[in-house]
Structure formats: C-alpha cells, structure tokens
Protein backbone atom coordinates (compact mmCIF):
# COMPACT_ATOMS: atom_id res chain seq x y z
CA MET A 1 133.14 53.50 72.45
CA GLN A 2 132.73 56.22 69.86
CA LYS A 3 136.51 56.77 69.92
CA GLY A 4 137.03 53.14 68.91
CA PHE A 5 134.78 53.47 65.89
CA ARG A 6 136.44 56.75 64.81
CA ILE A 7 139.88 55.13 64.99
CA ALA A 8 138.65 52.07 63.10
CA ALA A 9 137.41 54.29 60.28
CA MET A 10 140.75 56.11 60.15
CA ALA A 11 142.68 52.84 59.97
CA GLY A 12 140.46 51.57 57.21
CA ALA A 13 141.62 54.48 55.08
CA LEU A 14 145.25 54.17 56.14
CA SER A 15 145.33 50.47 55.36
CA MET A 16 145.19 51.23 51.67
CA ALA A 17 148.37 53.33 51.86
CA MET A 18 150.25 50.16 51.15
CA SER A 19 153.60 48.66 52.25
CA GLY A 20 155.86 44.97 52.33
CA SER A 21 158.94 42.74 52.09
CA ALA A 22 160.67 40.59 49.47
CA PHE A 23 163.37 37.96 49.11
CA ALA A 24 166.91 38.75 47.99
CA VAL A 25 167.47 38.77 44.23
CA ASN A 26 170.89 37.57 43.01
CA ASN A 27 172.08 37.83 46.64
CA LEU A 28 171.39 41.58 46.60
CA THR A 29 170.16 42.73 50.01
CA PHE A 30 169.01 46.02 51.51
CA ASP A 31 170.59 45.91 54.97
CA GLY A 32 173.95 46.17 56.73
CA TRP A 33 174.86 49.78 55.84
CA THR A 34 175.12 52.37 58.60
CA VAL A 35 174.65 56.12 58.81
CA SER A 36 175.92 58.79 61.22
CA ASN A 37 174.48 62.29 61.06
CA GLY A 38 173.47 61.63 57.47
CA ASP A 39 176.86 60.24 56.39
CA ILE A 40 176.27 56.76 54.94
CA THR A 41 178.83 53.97 55.24
CA SER A 42 177.97 51.45 52.53
CA ASN A 43 181.04 49.20 52.80
CA SER A 44 179.36 47.56 55.80
CA ALA A 45 176.29 46.69 53.71
CA THR A 46 175.59 42.96 53.58
CA VAL A 47 175.95 42.88 49.79
CA CYS A 48 179.33 44.67 49.99
CA GLN A 49 180.55 42.28 52.71
CA SER A 50 179.67 39.32 50.50
CA THR A 51 182.47 37.51 48.67
CA ASP A 52 180.27 37.63 45.55
CA TYR A 53 180.55 41.38 45.02
CA ASP A 54 182.94 44.33 45.14
CA CYS A 55 181.56 47.78 45.98
CA SER A 56 182.77 51.25 45.08
CA VAL A 57 181.18 54.60 46.01
CA VAL A 58 180.53 56.82 42.98
CA ALA A 59 178.47 59.65 44.55
CA SER A 60 177.75 60.68 48.12
CA GLY A 61 176.07 63.42 50.14
CA LYS A 62 174.08 63.91 53.34
CA GLY A 63 171.46 61.16 53.39
CA PHE A 64 172.45 59.94 49.92
CA GLN A 65 174.93 57.52 48.37
CA GLN A 66 175.34 55.65 45.09
CA VAL A 67 177.51 52.55 44.89
CA THR A 68 178.59 50.29 42.03
CA VAL A 69 178.15 46.62 42.94
CA SER A 70 180.15 44.36 40.63
CA PRO A 71 180.84 40.61 40.63
CA SER A 72 184.07 39.82 42.46
CA SER A 73 186.85 37.64 41.07
CA SER A 74 185.67 34.81 43.34
CA ASN A 75 182.10 34.97 41.99
CA THR A 76 182.07 32.04 39.59
CA THR A 77 178.37 32.29 38.77
CA GLY A 78 178.07 36.05 38.18
CA ASP A 79 178.31 37.68 34.76
CA PRO A 80 181.55 39.73 34.68
CA ASN A 81 179.88 42.13 32.24
CA THR A 82 177.01 42.84 34.65
CA SER A 83 177.03 45.25 37.57
CA TYR A 84 174.46 47.09 39.67
CA ILE A 85 174.00 50.62 40.91
CA MET A 86 172.83 50.65 44.52
CA THR A 87 171.23 53.91 45.64
CA ILE A 88 170.68 54.60 49.34
CA VAL A 89 168.51 57.53 50.46
CA THR A 90 167.60 58.48 54.02
CA ASP A 91 167.10 61.62 56.15
CA GLN A 92 169.94 64.14 56.00
CA ASN A 93 170.54 63.88 59.76
CA ALA A 94 169.81 60.15 60.11
CA ASN A 95 171.67 57.98 62.62
CA SER A 96 171.83 54.20 62.76
CA THR A 97 174.92 52.16 63.59
CA SER A 98 173.18 48.79 63.95
CA GLY A 99 173.11 47.96 60.25
CA ASP A 100 169.34 47.45 60.49
CA PRO A 101 167.48 50.03 58.35
CA ALA A 102 164.38 49.46 60.51
CA ASP A 103 166.02 51.75 63.08
CA LEU A 104 165.56 54.70 60.73
CA GLY A 105 162.50 56.87 60.31
CA PHE A 106 162.82 56.68 56.52
CA TYR A 107 165.01 54.92 53.98
CA ASP A 108 164.95 53.90 50.34
CA VAL A 109 167.38 51.35 48.87
CA SER A 110 167.26 50.32 45.21
CA PHE A 111 169.31 48.37 42.68
CA VAL A 112 169.35 48.92 38.90
CA LYS A 113 171.20 46.57 36.59
CA MET A 114 173.93 47.70 34.19
CA GLN A 115 175.10 45.62 31.24
CA VAL A 116 178.36 46.10 29.31
CA SER A 117 178.35 44.74 25.75
CA LEU A 118 181.63 44.28 23.86
CA GLY A 119 181.50 44.38 20.07
CA GLY A 120 183.68 44.79 17.01
CA THR A 121 183.18 48.55 16.94
CA GLY A 122 183.68 49.09 20.65
CA SER A 123 181.64 48.65 23.79
CA THR A 124 178.29 49.98 24.96
CA THR A 125 176.95 50.32 28.47
CA GLY A 126 173.29 50.57 29.41
CA ASN A 127 170.80 49.75 32.10
CA VAL A 128 168.65 46.62 31.89
CA ASN A 129 164.89 47.10 32.28
CA GLY A 130 163.75 46.60 35.85
CA ILE A 131 164.38 47.67 39.43
CA TYR A 132 164.73 45.96 42.79
CA GLY A 133 163.94 48.24 45.70
CA GLN A 134 162.68 48.66 49.22
CA GLN A 135 161.25 51.77 50.88
CA ALA A 136 160.18 52.08 54.50
CA ILE A 137 158.72 54.58 56.96
CA ASN A 138 159.03 53.94 60.69
CA ASN A 139 157.48 56.42 63.08
CA VAL A 140 157.02 56.24 66.86
CA THR A 141 155.48 59.43 68.25
CA SER A 142 156.13 58.66 71.93
CA SER A 143 157.32 55.93 74.23
CA GLY A 144 155.74 53.87 76.98
CA SER A 145 152.12 52.81 77.33
CA SER A 146 150.85 55.76 75.28
CA ALA A 147 153.13 55.12 72.27
CA THR A 148 151.80 55.37 68.74
CA SER A 149 153.77 53.59 66.05
CA PHE A 150 153.43 53.42 62.29
CA GLN A 151 155.49 51.15 60.04
CA SER A 152 155.17 50.92 56.29
CA THR A 153 157.42 48.88 54.01
CA THR A 154 157.14 48.48 50.24
CA ASN A 155 159.18 46.12 48.07
CA ILE A 156 159.19 46.28 44.27
CA SER A 157 160.75 43.75 41.89
CA THR A 158 160.29 44.34 38.17
CA GLY A 159 162.04 43.37 34.93
CA TRP A 160 165.30 41.50 35.62
CA ALA A 161 164.41 41.30 39.36
CA LEU A 162 160.98 39.74 38.84
CA ALA A 163 161.99 36.06 38.94
CA SER A 164 160.75 34.19 42.04
CA ASN A 165 159.45 37.39 43.67
CA SER A 166 156.13 39.11 44.06
CA PRO A 167 156.63 42.30 42.03
CA ILE A 168 154.77 44.25 44.69
CA SER A 169 154.89 43.26 48.35
CA ILE A 170 153.37 45.68 50.83
CA SER A 171 152.87 45.67 54.59
CA GLN A 172 151.64 48.26 57.06
CA ASN A 173 151.29 48.26 60.83
CA LEU A 174 149.63 50.95 62.92
CA THR A 175 149.43 50.80 66.72
CA ASP A 176 147.88 53.38 69.04
CA ASN A 177 148.32 52.41 72.68
CA GLY A 178 145.68 54.89 73.73
CA ASN A 179 145.41 56.41 77.17
CA THR A 180 148.49 56.01 79.38
CA ASN A 181 146.42 54.74 82.32
CA ASP A 182 144.05 52.43 80.46
CA THR A 183 145.41 49.92 77.93
CA GLY A 184 141.86 48.77 77.19
CA ASP A 185 141.43 51.49 74.57
CA ASP A 186 144.43 50.40 72.49
CA PHE A 187 144.05 50.12 68.72
CA SER A 188 146.01 48.18 66.12
CA SER A 189 145.76 47.69 62.36
CA ASN A 190 147.82 45.37 60.15
CA PHE A 191 147.72 45.23 56.37
CA TYR A 192 149.56 43.01 53.87
CA TYR A 193 149.36 42.73 50.09
CA ALA A 194 151.41 40.82 47.52
CA SER A 195 150.85 40.05 43.83
CA ASP A 196 152.11 37.82 41.05
CA ASN A 197 152.66 39.47 37.66
CA THR A 198 153.85 38.42 34.25
CA ALA A 199 156.87 40.07 32.62
CA ASP A 200 154.60 42.59 30.85
CA GLY A 201 153.02 43.65 34.16
CA THR A 202 149.74 41.71 33.93
CA ARG A 203 148.59 40.64 37.39
CA THR A 204 147.95 36.90 37.62
CA GLY A 205 147.15 36.67 41.31
CA PHE A 206 147.18 38.49 44.63
CA GLU A 207 146.79 37.92 48.35
CA MET A 208 145.60 40.45 50.94
CA SER A 209 145.04 40.44 54.68
CA ILE A 210 143.65 43.12 57.00
CA ASP A 211 143.44 42.83 60.79
CA GLN A 212 142.05 45.55 63.05
CA LYS A 213 141.45 45.53 66.79
CA ALA A 214 139.84 48.47 68.60
CA GLY A 215 139.73 48.59 72.38
CA LEU A 216 136.46 50.14 73.56
CA ALA A 217 137.23 50.56 77.26
CA SER A 218 136.04 53.64 79.13
CA PRO A 219 138.73 55.13 81.41
CA GLY A 220 138.08 54.30 85.05
CA VAL A 221 135.33 51.74 84.31
CA THR A 222 136.91 48.44 85.32
CA THR A 223 134.11 46.32 83.89
CA SER A 224 134.90 47.69 80.41
CA ALA A 225 138.62 46.81 80.48
CA ASN A 226 138.19 43.97 77.95
CA ASP A 227 135.58 45.62 75.71
CA VAL A 228 136.87 45.18 72.18
CA GLN A 229 135.92 44.95 68.52
CA THR A 230 137.97 42.95 66.04
CA PHE A 231 137.87 42.64 62.25
CA ALA A 232 139.75 40.37 59.86
CA LEU A 233 139.74 40.02 56.08
CA ARG A 234 141.59 37.51 53.92
CA GLU A 235 141.52 37.26 50.14
CA ARG A 236 143.47 35.15 47.66
CA GLN A 237 143.05 35.15 43.90
CA GLY A 238 144.52 33.44 40.83
CA THR A 239 148.04 32.12 41.27
CA LYS A 240 147.96 33.04 44.99
CA LEU A 241 145.04 30.65 45.60
CA GLN A 242 146.60 27.24 45.06
CA THR A 243 144.24 25.10 47.16
CA ALA A 244 140.55 24.36 46.65
CA SER A 245 137.99 24.42 49.43
CA PRO A 246 137.22 21.04 51.06
CA SER A 247 134.95 18.62 49.24
CA GLY A 248 131.41 19.90 49.66
CA GLY A 249 132.58 23.42 50.45
CA TYR A 250 131.76 25.44 53.56
CA THR A 251 128.19 25.76 54.82
CA LEU A 252 127.27 28.79 56.91
CA GLY A 253 123.73 29.95 57.70
CA GLY A 254 122.26 27.37 55.34
CA ASP A 255 124.30 28.49 52.32
CA THR A 256 127.31 26.65 50.89
CA VAL A 257 130.30 28.17 49.15
CA SER A 258 133.26 26.45 47.49
CA TRP A 259 136.15 27.41 45.28
CA ALA A 260 138.78 25.84 43.05
CA ALA A 261 142.45 26.73 42.89
CA GLY A 262 142.83 29.89 40.85
CA ASP A 263 139.46 31.39 41.83
CA ASP A 264 139.05 34.50 44.01
CA ALA A 265 138.20 33.43 47.56
CA LYS A 266 137.47 35.92 50.34
CA ALA A 267 136.71 35.54 54.04
CA ILE A 268 135.54 38.21 56.52
CA TRP A 269 135.39 37.77 60.30
CA LEU A 270 133.95 40.27 62.79
CA GLY A 271 133.65 39.95 66.55
CA GLN A 272 132.74 42.22 69.45
CA ASN A 273 132.55 41.96 73.23
CA ILE A 274 130.88 44.58 75.43
CA ASN A 275 130.57 44.02 79.18
CA LEU A 276 127.68 46.22 80.34
CA ASP A 277 127.61 45.33 84.03
CA SER A 278 128.16 42.66 86.69
CA THR A 279 125.32 42.05 89.15
CA GLY A 280 124.42 39.76 92.00
CA THR A 281 126.54 37.63 94.28
CA SER A 282 127.18 35.17 91.50
CA GLY A 283 128.82 37.88 89.38
CA THR A 284 126.54 37.29 86.39
CA THR A 285 127.88 39.13 83.36
CA LEU A 286 125.53 41.27 81.29
CA GLY A 287 126.78 42.32 77.90
CA SER A 288 126.95 41.75 74.19
CA THR A 289 129.16 39.13 72.58
CA PHE A 290 128.73 38.34 68.92
CA GLY A 291 130.60 36.98 65.94
CA TYR A 292 130.11 37.14 62.16
CA LEU A 293 131.77 35.10 59.42
CA SER A 294 131.46 35.25 55.63
CA PHE A 295 132.99 33.13 52.86
CA ASP A 296 132.66 34.10 49.22
CA ASN A 297 133.90 32.90 45.83
CA VAL A 298 134.13 36.32 44.22
CA THR A 299 134.73 35.36 40.59
CA GLY A 300 134.42 31.57 40.37
CA ASP A 301 130.60 31.38 40.70
CA SER A 302 127.47 33.53 40.87
CA ASN A 303 126.32 32.25 44.27
CA PRO A 304 125.93 34.69 47.19
CA PRO A 305 128.39 34.55 50.11
CA ALA A 306 127.81 31.99 52.84
CA THR A 307 127.40 33.87 56.12
CA GLU A 308 126.65 33.15 59.77
CA PHE A 309 126.00 35.43 62.72
CA GLY A 310 125.71 34.51 66.38
CA PHE A 311 125.32 36.05 69.84
CA ALA A 312 127.38 33.56 71.76
CA ALA A 313 130.84 33.47 73.30
CA THR A 314 131.43 30.08 71.73
CA LYS A 315 130.90 31.68 68.34
CA ALA A 316 132.72 34.97 68.90
CA ASN A 317 135.84 33.40 70.43
CA ALA A 318 136.15 30.55 67.94
CA PRO A 319 137.75 30.93 64.52
CA TRP A 320 134.81 28.87 63.26
CA VAL A 321 135.87 27.29 59.94
CA TRP A 322 138.67 29.74 59.10
CA ASP A 323 140.74 27.69 56.66
CA ASP A 324 144.47 27.85 57.39
CA SER A 325 145.53 26.26 54.11
CA ALA A 326 143.64 28.79 52.02
CA PHE A 327 144.02 31.95 54.11
CA ASN A 328 147.35 31.87 55.91
CA ILE A 329 148.79 35.03 54.35
CA ASN A 330 152.24 36.24 55.39
CA ASN A 331 152.05 34.03 58.50
CA SER A 332 148.76 35.59 59.56
CA VAL A 333 146.79 33.95 62.37
CA LYS A 334 143.16 32.99 62.72
CA PRO A 335 141.03 35.84 64.09
CA CYS A 336 140.07 35.56 67.73
CA LEU A 337 138.33 37.66 70.38
CA SER A 338 139.12 37.95 74.11
CA ASP A 339 135.80 37.93 75.96
CA PRO A 340 134.63 40.35 78.71
CA THR A 341 135.43 37.87 81.50
CA GLY A 342 139.12 38.17 80.68
CA VAL A 343 139.51 34.91 78.77
CA THR A 344 142.20 35.50 76.16
CA CYS A 345 142.76 34.02 72.74
CA PRO A 346 145.06 30.99 72.47
C-alpha cells in the first residue's frame, strides 16, 4: 500500500511536466515522414503528398531535415508569395517506416511562415511572427505485464497559426504495470491541458484534467487483488467554460455551488477500495470503501466548495453528479472505482 502512495506522489509531480495535440493549420500536418537510421525521408510526409503543396529539401543530416513547403500550382486558395519552412528533428539513429511519428522515442516537427513581398525597389523575404509545432516523447522501458510507458506530446500554435487552435495543448500519459505476477499494483496517470489566448498572448480560458489510479494489491494476497485508489480533477475557466451549472446549482453535504459560463469551475473526485479480509461461510467482505466529491466556483463567487464524503460502495462506484457537459475534457470519462468484490466500472 505504501508503494501506491509513493507512486501517486511521483505522478503528481510528473503531471505538471506538460504535453498535447492540435488540429492542422492551413492543411499543414506533422505526420507521414519516415526515418531509417537517422536519415529522414520527408517526401512521404502528408503535407508533401498533398496536392496543395510542393516540398523541397534545403538542409539535411542525421536526425535532422529542413524542407520548404510552398503552394502548388493547383492550390487555388494559397498565397503564391507565402511558403513555410518545415523542420524535422529526431534521434540520430531513429527508425520508423510507418509514417507515424508516435513510433519514435522523440521527435519535433515545426512550421514557420515565410512571406515574399514584391515592391518597386525589389523584393524582400522574411518570416511571419508565429510558429506551429509538435514535440513528443515516447518511452517504453520494457514489454509485457511489467511494462512502464511514458508519453508526452506538446502542440504550440502562435501568431499566424493561432486561428481556431488552442495555442498550447498538452497531454501526458504514464503507466507502470507493476509486478509481472500481480497486475493489481498497476499505476496510471493521465494529464491534459489546453488554453485559449488572444493574439498578444493573454490567456482567456483553459481546461485541465488529471486522472490517477494506483493499484494497492499486495503480491500473493488474493483478497487484495482489486485494492485501488483513484483520483480525478477537472477544471474549466473563461472561454473554455461555455455552459452554466443547472438551475439551482449542485448541492453536496448541505452546501450548494453554481457557476455561469465564463467562470472558473473545478471538480475533484477521490475513491478508494481496500478489502481487508473475507470471513464466514457467507463470504462477508470486510474492508474500506469510500468516495469524496467536491465542486467549486473558484473565481465566480466567494462561497466555499460544496463537498460530500461517504463510506459506501454506492457512493464510491457512482460518478455522483459529475457533469458531462461542463467537465468532458478531451473526451475524458466520468471517474469510477472497481470495488473489492471484483465489480468493474461500466
């Protein structure tokens, strides 16, 4: 059990080493290119295979390549005086022939925008303020039931690439499958963050989700196979909180909390199941099952959070009043807890 709490503390720190994903800007995408022993082949990149763009390599080395991406003659909507410089960086001995960068331990792909201006005294060329990029780390330390995996992806869209994108979109996933012979001590942590910003960089809203699950099983103790502790946090603020709480708000533990669109709403859910023993012919379970839920309007009012705590399987297994419309962040799910009898979440 102590191992579970040590891992949970570690993941809490790691979850702030942020990472994410973003939508394509101007049909510019990060995938499709391949690499063999550090030699990058960019002509297979999705953007270079598109009929909208022509690509030409301008610099190349082990684990590095720069490519000009210019509107093709068939691109009727692109500005013929605008091109992009795509920079691809990965390990010097990297190998991936699938065209999916997720196969690599590390990669960084970015686009900067170049503008050519024609005038009476000649022409000038310069970069346009902004960058569109993605960086990822994928690490699996071993395979099989004892595998530990870490994935971190960060997307940045600023300046010319800001339109219709979160300027920062970050996701992180950490999984430790624990002891080879006992999956009950597995641990997982998921983190996601995205923001809305104005052109000058002022943040107007953000959304964040954290999910952690720590298996607390003791090797060889069959009654502890489903011992687990789970934690979930959801927060939306400003432009990322577009729905108000239901009329009358949420009431937990005698307190009521509500919020309007644009406020800062936060929810925390905690659950734990510990099966201490099984006695008697009826197989009566002795243990600890509890759940905790908190809702808070962080900036919209001065009222304290509404909270509720209960020692009951019906409380710990249920999502209670977790509001999908307000807190579904990056397709996150309602928190749930598998109980000691083996009943799993839906």
